[in-house]
Amino acid sequence: MSKTTVIPISLPTVFAKEIDRAANEEAMTRSEFVRTALRRQLAFSSLGALQRETSRRAQKVGIRTLRDAVRVVREARKERVTA
């Protein structure tokens, strides 16, 4: 069994009731529902960090628009085919 940590949080009563309703609709416990929501938010945050880093690197090499990115991908594919 994995270790767990209890993290007490305060929520407005209305929000807690919304969580309970949504958890019930998903046939989940309140804890399962909140864990799932937190996993999604953490993944979303990681994706945002990855997008910022990718954008920073792309700009460094001159990719500023979607058109630039498509051009670079096509060039790379052509090089791979001819190699």
PDB file of N, CA and C in Angstrom:
ATOM      1  N   MET A   1       0.841  -1.175   0.000  1.00  0.00           N
ATOM      2  CA  MET A   1       0.000   0.000   0.000  1.00  0.00           C
ATOM      3  C   MET A   1       0.890   1.244   0.000  1.00  0.00           C
ATOM      4  N   SER A   2       0.531   2.245  -0.788  1.00  0.00           N
ATOM      5  CA  SER A   2       1.341   3.454  -0.857  1.00  0.00           C
ATOM      6  C   SER A   2       1.093   4.327   0.366  1.00  0.00           C
ATOM      7  N   LYS A   3       2.098   5.116   0.683  1.00  0.00           N
ATOM      8  CA  LYS A   3       1.962   6.031   1.809  1.00  0.00           C
ATOM      9  C   LYS A   3       1.063   7.189   1.412  1.00  0.00           C
ATOM     10  N   THR A   4       0.354   7.709   2.367  1.00  0.00           N
ATOM     11  CA  THR A   4      -0.504   8.864   2.114  1.00  0.00           C
ATOM     12  C   THR A   4      -0.242   9.926   3.161  1.00  0.00           C
ATOM     13  N   THR A   5      -0.577  11.139   2.812  1.00  0.00           N
ATOM     14  CA  THR A   5      -0.490  12.266   3.723  1.00  0.00           C
ATOM     15  C   THR A   5      -1.839  12.954   3.738  1.00  0.00           C
ATOM     16  N   VAL A   6      -2.323  13.241   4.901  1.00  0.00           N
ATOM     17  CA  VAL A   6      -3.582  13.962   5.034  1.00  0.00           C
ATOM     18  C   VAL A   6      -3.266  15.453   4.967  1.00  0.00           C
ATOM     19  N   ILE A   7      -3.967  16.140   4.070  1.00  0.00           N
ATOM     20  CA  ILE A   7      -3.781  17.582   3.920  1.00  0.00           C
ATOM     21  C   ILE A   7      -5.119  18.252   4.183  1.00  0.00           C
ATOM     22  N   PRO A   8      -5.295  18.771   5.377  1.00  0.00           N
ATOM     23  CA  PRO A   8      -6.568  19.431   5.660  1.00  0.00           C
ATOM     24  C   PRO A   8      -6.662  20.756   4.890  1.00  0.00           C
ATOM     25  N   ILE A   9      -7.793  20.974   4.259  1.00  0.00           N
ATOM     26  CA  ILE A   9      -8.017  22.228   3.547  1.00  0.00           C
ATOM     27  C   ILE A   9      -9.374  22.790   3.945  1.00  0.00           C
ATOM     28  N   SER A  10      -9.506  24.088   3.794  1.00  0.00           N
ATOM     29  CA  SER A  10     -10.783  24.746   4.076  1.00  0.00           C
ATOM     30  C   SER A  10     -11.422  25.130   2.756  1.00  0.00           C
ATOM     31  N   LEU A  11     -12.708  24.813   2.627  1.00  0.00           N
ATOM     32  CA  LEU A  11     -13.464  25.147   1.424  1.00  0.00           C
ATOM     33  C   LEU A  11     -14.774  25.806   1.828  1.00  0.00           C
ATOM     34  N   PRO A  12     -15.254  26.708   1.003  1.00  0.00           N
ATOM     35  CA  PRO A  12     -16.609  27.205   1.257  1.00  0.00           C
ATOM     36  C   PRO A  12     -17.592  26.027   1.202  1.00  0.00           C
ATOM     37  N   THR A  13     -18.583  26.051   2.036  1.00  0.00           N
ATOM     38  CA  THR A  13     -19.557  24.952   2.105  1.00  0.00           C
ATOM     39  C   THR A  13     -20.179  24.659   0.749  1.00  0.00           C
ATOM     40  N   VAL A  14     -20.495  25.706   0.005  1.00  0.00           N
ATOM     41  CA  VAL A  14     -21.111  25.520  -1.316  1.00  0.00           C
ATOM     42  C   VAL A  14     -20.179  24.727  -2.234  1.00  0.00           C
ATOM     43  N   PHE A  15     -18.891  25.044  -2.175  1.00  0.00           N
ATOM     44  CA  PHE A  15     -17.912  24.353  -3.017  1.00  0.00           C
ATOM     45  C   PHE A  15     -17.788  22.892  -2.598  1.00  0.00           C
ATOM     46  N   ALA A  16     -17.757  22.627  -1.301  1.00  0.00           N
ATOM     47  CA  ALA A  16     -17.673  21.251  -0.810  1.00  0.00           C
ATOM     48  C   ALA A  16     -18.889  20.439  -1.264  1.00  0.00           C
ATOM     49  N   LYS A  17     -20.058  21.079  -1.255  1.00  0.00           N
ATOM     50  CA  LYS A  17     -21.266  20.387  -1.714  1.00  0.00           C
ATOM     51  C   LYS A  17     -21.183  20.086  -3.205  1.00  0.00           C
ATOM     52  N   GLU A  18     -20.620  21.006  -3.979  1.00  0.00           N
ATOM     53  CA  GLU A  18     -20.443  20.766  -5.421  1.00  0.00           C
ATOM     54  C   GLU A  18     -19.505  19.595  -5.653  1.00  0.00           C
ATOM     55  N   ILE A  19     -18.428  19.535  -4.872  1.00  0.00           N
ATOM     56  CA  ILE A  19     -17.480  18.427  -4.997  1.00  0.00           C
ATOM     57  C   ILE A  19     -18.171  17.114  -4.663  1.00  0.00           C
ATOM     58  N   ASP A  20     -18.939  17.097  -3.580  1.00  0.00           N
ATOM     59  CA  ASP A  20     -19.651  15.879  -3.194  1.00  0.00           C
ATOM     60  C   ASP A  20     -20.635  15.442  -4.272  1.00  0.00           C
ATOM     61  N   ARG A  21     -21.374  16.390  -4.842  1.00  0.00           N
ATOM     62  CA  ARG A  21     -22.334  16.067  -5.900  1.00  0.00           C
ATOM     63  C   ARG A  21     -21.621  15.485  -7.120  1.00  0.00           C
ATOM     64  N   ALA A  22     -20.545  16.153  -7.546  1.00  0.00           N
ATOM     65  CA  ALA A  22     -19.810  15.690  -8.717  1.00  0.00           C
ATOM     66  C   ALA A  22     -19.161  14.337  -8.463  1.00  0.00           C
ATOM     67  N   ALA A  23     -18.609  14.139  -7.284  1.00  0.00           N
ATOM     68  CA  ALA A  23     -17.999  12.853  -6.936  1.00  0.00           C
ATOM     69  C   ALA A  23     -19.049  11.748  -6.975  1.00  0.00           C
ATOM     70  N   ASN A  24     -20.208  12.038  -6.448  1.00  0.00           N
ATOM     71  CA  ASN A  24     -21.294  11.059  -6.450  1.00  0.00           C
ATOM     72  C   ASN A  24     -21.688  10.695  -7.883  1.00  0.00           C
ATOM     73  N   GLU A  25     -21.791  11.701  -8.747  1.00  0.00           N
ATOM     74  CA  GLU A  25     -22.140  11.444 -10.155  1.00  0.00           C
ATOM     75  C   GLU A  25     -21.096  10.567 -10.843  1.00  0.00           C
ATOM     76  N   GLU A  26     -19.853  10.699 -10.433  1.00  0.00           N
ATOM     77  CA  GLU A  26     -18.765   9.912 -11.019  1.00  0.00           C
ATOM     78  C   GLU A  26     -18.536   8.593 -10.275  1.00  0.00           C
ATOM     79  N   ALA A  27     -19.362   8.319  -9.296  1.00  0.00           N
ATOM     80  CA  ALA A  27     -19.243   7.114  -8.454  1.00  0.00           C
ATOM     81  C   ALA A  27     -17.863   7.047  -7.797  1.00  0.00           C
ATOM     82  N   MET A  28     -17.444   8.189  -7.261  1.00  0.00           N
ATOM     83  CA  MET A  28     -16.147   8.285  -6.593  1.00  0.00           C
ATOM     84  C   MET A  28     -16.363   8.816  -5.180  1.00  0.00           C
ATOM     85  N   THR A  29     -15.378   8.543  -4.337  1.00  0.00           N
ATOM     86  CA  THR A  29     -15.403   9.189  -3.029  1.00  0.00           C
ATOM     87  C   THR A  29     -14.923  10.630  -3.213  1.00  0.00           C
ATOM     88  N   ARG A  30     -15.160  11.432  -2.202  1.00  0.00           N
ATOM     89  CA  ARG A  30     -14.678  12.817  -2.242  1.00  0.00           C
ATOM     90  C   ARG A  30     -13.156  12.833  -2.429  1.00  0.00           C
ATOM     91  N   SER A  31     -12.453  11.985  -1.702  1.00  0.00           N
ATOM     92  CA  SER A  31     -10.992  11.946  -1.812  1.00  0.00           C
ATOM     93  C   SER A  31     -10.539  11.554  -3.208  1.00  0.00           C
ATOM     94  N   GLU A  32     -11.180  10.519  -3.775  1.00  0.00           N
ATOM     95  CA  GLU A  32     -10.818  10.103  -5.141  1.00  0.00           C
ATOM     96  C   GLU A  32     -11.047  11.241  -6.126  1.00  0.00           C
ATOM     97  N   PHE A  33     -12.168  11.921  -5.975  1.00  0.00           N
ATOM     98  CA  PHE A  33     -12.505  13.014  -6.882  1.00  0.00           C
ATOM     99  C   PHE A  33     -11.470  14.138  -6.799  1.00  0.00           C
ATOM    100  N   VAL A  34     -11.117  14.512  -5.574  1.00  0.00           N
ATOM    101  CA  VAL A  34     -10.145  15.596  -5.386  1.00  0.00           C
ATOM    102  C   VAL A  34      -8.769  15.159  -5.881  1.00  0.00           C
ATOM    103  N   ARG A  35      -8.363  13.920  -5.608  1.00  0.00           N
ATOM    104  CA  ARG A  35      -7.067  13.432  -6.108  1.00  0.00           C
ATOM    105  C   ARG A  35      -7.017  13.487  -7.630  1.00  0.00           C
ATOM    106  N   THR A  36      -8.109  13.062  -8.276  1.00  0.00           N
ATOM    107  CA  THR A  36      -8.167  13.097  -9.740  1.00  0.00           C
ATOM    108  C   THR A  36      -8.062  14.529 -10.254  1.00  0.00           C
ATOM    109  N   ALA A  37      -8.777  15.428  -9.616  1.00  0.00           N
ATOM    110  CA  ALA A  37      -8.728  16.842 -10.024  1.00  0.00           C
ATOM    111  C   ALA A  37      -7.321  17.405  -9.849  1.00  0.00           C
ATOM    112  N   LEU A  38      -6.668  17.063  -8.755  1.00  0.00           N
ATOM    113  CA  LEU A  38      -5.314  17.557  -8.516  1.00  0.00           C
ATOM    114  C   LEU A  38      -4.319  16.963  -9.515  1.00  0.00           C
ATOM    115  N   ARG A  39      -4.475  15.669  -9.831  1.00  0.00           N
ATOM    116  CA  ARG A  39      -3.600  15.061 -10.856  1.00  0.00           C
ATOM    117  C   ARG A  39      -3.739  15.780 -12.186  1.00  0.00           C
ATOM    118  N   ARG A  40      -4.977  16.076 -12.572  1.00  0.00           N
ATOM    119  CA  ARG A  40      -5.214  16.788 -13.830  1.00  0.00           C
ATOM    120  C   ARG A  40      -4.588  18.177 -13.801  1.00  0.00           C
ATOM    121  N   GLN A  41      -4.742  18.879 -12.697  1.00  0.00           N
ATOM    122  CA  GLN A  41      -4.170  20.226 -12.595  1.00  0.00           C
ATOM    123  C   GLN A  41      -2.652  20.178 -12.640  1.00  0.00           C
ATOM    124  N   LEU A  42      -2.052  19.192 -11.963  1.00  0.00           N
ATOM    125  CA  LEU A  42      -0.598  19.065 -11.998  1.00  0.00           C
ATOM    126  C   LEU A  42      -0.114  18.743 -13.409  1.00  0.00           C
ATOM    127  N   ALA A  43      -0.840  17.882 -14.108  1.00  0.00           N
ATOM    128  CA  ALA A  43      -0.473  17.574 -15.496  1.00  0.00           C
ATOM    129  C   ALA A  43      -0.609  18.805 -16.374  1.00  0.00           C
ATOM    130  N   PHE A  44      -1.676  19.562 -16.166  1.00  0.00           N
ATOM    131  CA  PHE A  44      -1.898  20.791 -16.925  1.00  0.00           C
ATOM    132  C   PHE A  44      -0.774  21.792 -16.659  1.00  0.00           C
ATOM    133  N   SER A  45      -0.369  21.911 -15.409  1.00  0.00           N
ATOM    134  CA  SER A  45       0.726  22.816 -15.050  1.00  0.00           C
ATOM    135  C   SER A  45       2.031  22.375 -15.700  1.00  0.00           C
ATOM    136  N   SER A  46       2.288  21.069 -15.697  1.00  0.00           N
ATOM    137  CA  SER A  46       3.499  20.554 -16.345  1.00  0.00           C
ATOM    138  C   SER A  46       3.474  20.824 -17.837  1.00  0.00           C
ATOM    139  N   LEU A  47       2.323  20.655 -18.453  1.00  0.00           N
ATOM    140  CA  LEU A  47       2.184  20.934 -19.870  1.00  0.00           C
ATOM    141  C   LEU A  47       2.456  22.405 -20.162  1.00  0.00           C
ATOM    142  N   GLY A  48       1.938  23.283 -19.317  1.00  0.00           N
ATOM    143  CA  GLY A  48       2.183  24.720 -19.488  1.00  0.00           C
ATOM    144  C   GLY A  48       3.665  25.044 -19.412  1.00  0.00           C
ATOM    145  N   ALA A  49       4.373  24.433 -18.457  1.00  0.00           N
ATOM    146  CA  ALA A  49       5.813  24.660 -18.319  1.00  0.00           C
ATOM    147  C   ALA A  49       6.548  24.147 -19.561  1.00  0.00           C
ATOM    148  N   LEU A  50       6.135  22.987 -20.059  1.00  0.00           N
ATOM    149  CA  LEU A  50       6.738  22.428 -21.271  1.00  0.00           C
ATOM    150  C   LEU A  50       6.499  23.331 -22.470  1.00  0.00           C
ATOM    151  N   GLN A  51       5.287  23.864 -22.592  1.00  0.00           N
ATOM    152  CA  GLN A  51       4.972  24.765 -23.696  1.00  0.00           C
ATOM    153  C   GLN A  51       5.810  26.037 -23.622  1.00  0.00           C
ATOM    154  N   ARG A  52       5.971  26.592 -22.439  1.00  0.00           N
ATOM    155  CA  ARG A  52       6.791  27.804 -22.293  1.00  0.00           C
ATOM    156  C   ARG A  52       8.241  27.536 -22.678  1.00  0.00           C
ATOM    157  N   GLU A  53       8.786  26.404 -22.236  1.00  0.00           N
ATOM    158  CA  GLU A  53      10.170  26.056 -22.559  1.00  0.00           C
ATOM    159  C   GLU A  53      10.330  25.805 -24.059  1.00  0.00           C
ATOM    160  N   THR A  54       9.386  25.093 -24.649  1.00  0.00           N
ATOM    161  CA  THR A  54       9.442  24.822 -26.089  1.00  0.00           C
ATOM    162  C   THR A  54       9.363  26.121 -26.876  1.00  0.00           C
ATOM    163  N   SER A  55       8.500  27.011 -26.472  1.00  0.00           N
ATOM    164  CA  SER A  55       8.357  28.301 -27.137  1.00  0.00           C
ATOM    165  C   SER A  55       9.650  29.107 -27.030  1.00  0.00           C
ATOM    166  N   ARG A  56      10.255  29.103 -25.855  1.00  0.00           N
ATOM    167  CA  ARG A  56      11.510  29.825 -25.655  1.00  0.00           C
ATOM    168  C   ARG A  56      12.601  29.276 -26.567  1.00  0.00           C
ATOM    169  N   ARG A  57      12.709  27.956 -26.642  1.00  0.00           N
ATOM    170  CA  ARG A  57      13.731  27.331 -27.495  1.00  0.00           C
ATOM    171  C   ARG A  57      13.444  27.584 -28.974  1.00  0.00           C
ATOM    172  N   ALA A  58      12.188  27.524 -29.353  1.00  0.00           N
ATOM    173  CA  ALA A  58      11.816  27.753 -30.755  1.00  0.00           C
ATOM    174  C   ALA A  58      12.184  29.175 -31.170  1.00  0.00           C
ATOM    175  N   GLN A  59      11.891  30.134 -30.323  1.00  0.00           N
ATOM    176  CA  GLN A  59      12.214  31.525 -30.645  1.00  0.00           C
ATOM    177  C   GLN A  59      13.719  31.730 -30.774  1.00  0.00           C
ATOM    178  N   LYS A  60      14.485  30.999 -29.983  1.00  0.00           N
ATOM    179  CA  LYS A  60      15.944  31.106 -30.057  1.00  0.00           C
ATOM    180  C   LYS A  60      16.471  30.699 -31.437  1.00  0.00           C
ATOM    181  N   VAL A  61      15.800  29.739 -32.070  1.00  0.00           N
ATOM    182  CA  VAL A  61      16.261  29.268 -33.392  1.00  0.00           C
ATOM    183  C   VAL A  61      15.457  29.885 -34.522  1.00  0.00           C
ATOM    184  N   GLY A  62      14.656  30.895 -34.212  1.00  0.00           N
ATOM    185  CA  GLY A  62      13.971  31.641 -35.263  1.00  0.00           C
ATOM    186  C   GLY A  62      12.568  31.184 -35.610  1.00  0.00           C
ATOM    187  N   ILE A  63      12.012  30.268 -34.838  1.00  0.00           N
ATOM    188  CA  ILE A  63      10.634  29.827 -35.078  1.00  0.00           C
ATOM    189  C   ILE A  63       9.729  30.740 -34.270  1.00  0.00           C
ATOM    190  N   ARG A  64       8.978  31.569 -34.987  1.00  0.00           N
ATOM    191  CA  ARG A  64       8.122  32.530 -34.300  1.00  0.00           C
ATOM    192  C   ARG A  64       6.635  32.333 -34.598  1.00  0.00           C
ATOM    193  N   THR A  65       6.329  31.660 -35.679  1.00  0.00           N
ATOM    194  CA  THR A  65       4.929  31.460 -36.057  1.00  0.00           C
ATOM    195  C   THR A  65       4.680  29.988 -36.343  1.00  0.00           C
ATOM    196  N   LEU A  66       3.420  29.642 -36.468  1.00  0.00           N
ATOM    197  CA  LEU A  66       3.068  28.271 -36.837  1.00  0.00           C
ATOM    198  C   LEU A  66       3.623  27.945 -38.220  1.00  0.00           C
ATOM    199  N   ARG A  67       3.580  28.906 -39.102  1.00  0.00           N
ATOM    200  CA  ARG A  67       4.123  28.705 -40.450  1.00  0.00           C
ATOM    201  C   ARG A  67       5.617  28.350 -40.383  1.00  0.00           C
ATOM    202  N   ASP A  68       6.360  29.042 -39.514  1.00  0.00           N
ATOM    203  CA  ASP A  68       7.780  28.724 -39.329  1.00  0.00           C
ATOM    204  C   ASP A  68       7.945  27.280 -38.844  1.00  0.00           C
ATOM    205  N   ALA A  69       7.135  26.880 -37.895  1.00  0.00           N
ATOM    206  CA  ALA A  69       7.229  25.530 -37.332  1.00  0.00           C
ATOM    207  C   ALA A  69       6.933  24.480 -38.392  1.00  0.00           C
ATOM    208  N   VAL A  70       5.891  24.708 -39.194  1.00  0.00           N
ATOM    209  CA  VAL A  70       5.540  23.755 -40.258  1.00  0.00           C
ATOM    210  C   VAL A  70       6.695  23.642 -41.252  1.00  0.00           C
ATOM    211  N   ARG A  71       7.293  24.778 -41.608  1.00  0.00           N
ATOM    212  CA  ARG A  71       8.413  24.777 -42.545  1.00  0.00           C
ATOM    213  C   ARG A  71       9.573  23.954 -41.994  1.00  0.00           C
ATOM    214  N   VAL A  72       9.910  24.145 -40.722  1.00  0.00           N
ATOM    215  CA  VAL A  72      11.027  23.421 -40.118  1.00  0.00           C
ATOM    216  C   VAL A  72      10.739  21.916 -40.083  1.00  0.00           C
ATOM    217  N   VAL A  73       9.516  21.546 -39.744  1.00  0.00           N
ATOM    218  CA  VAL A  73       9.150  20.122 -39.702  1.00  0.00           C
ATOM    219  C   VAL A  73       9.259  19.509 -41.096  1.00  0.00           C
ATOM    220  N   ARG A  74       8.753  20.209 -42.096  1.00  0.00           N
ATOM    221  CA  ARG A  74       8.829  19.685 -43.476  1.00  0.00           C
ATOM    222  C   ARG A  74      10.271  19.521 -43.926  1.00  0.00           C
ATOM    223  N   GLU A  75      11.106  20.499 -43.612  1.00  0.00           N
ATOM    224  CA  GLU A  75      12.522  20.406 -43.980  1.00  0.00           C
ATOM    225  C   GLU A  75      13.180  19.205 -43.302  1.00  0.00           C
ATOM    226  N   ALA A  76      12.871  19.013 -42.025  1.00  0.00           N
ATOM    227  CA  ALA A  76      13.451  17.885 -41.284  1.00  0.00           C
ATOM    228  C   ALA A  76      12.988  16.562 -41.866  1.00  0.00           C
ATOM    229  N   ARG A  77      11.727  16.478 -42.279  1.00  0.00           N
ATOM    230  CA  ARG A  77      11.220  15.238 -42.874  1.00  0.00           C
ATOM    231  C   ARG A  77      11.891  14.956 -44.206  1.00  0.00           C
ATOM    232  N   LYS A  78      12.104  16.010 -44.999  1.00  0.00           N
ATOM    233  CA  LYS A  78      12.785  15.834 -46.290  1.00  0.00           C
ATOM    234  C   LYS A  78      14.195  15.319 -46.074  1.00  0.00           C
ATOM    235  N   GLU A  79      14.890  15.878 -45.086  1.00  0.00           N
ATOM    236  CA  GLU A  79      16.250  15.436 -44.781  1.00  0.00           C
ATOM    237  C   GLU A  79      16.270  13.971 -44.349  1.00  0.00           C
ATOM    238  N   ARG A  80      15.282  13.561 -43.587  1.00  0.00           N
ATOM    239  CA  ARG A  80      15.208  12.184 -43.118  1.00  0.00           C
ATOM    240  C   ARG A  80      14.955  11.223 -44.273  1.00  0.00           C
ATOM    241  N   VAL A  81      14.108  11.631 -45.221  1.00  0.00           N
ATOM    242  CA  VAL A  81      13.781  10.769 -46.350  1.00  0.00           C
ATOM    243  C   VAL A  81      14.988  10.608 -47.267  1.00  0.00           C
ATOM    244  N   THR A  82      15.730  11.674 -47.493  1.00  0.00           N
ATOM    245  CA  THR A  82      16.871  11.624 -48.404  1.00  0.00           C
ATOM    246  C   THR A  82      18.114  11.039 -47.745  1.00  0.00           C
ATOM    247  N   ALA A  83      18.125  10.911 -46.445  1.00  0.00           N
ATOM    248  CA  ALA A  83      19.309  10.394 -45.741  1.00  0.00           C
ATOM    249  C   ALA A  83      19.429   8.899 -45.848  1.00  0.00           C
TER     250      ALA A  83
END
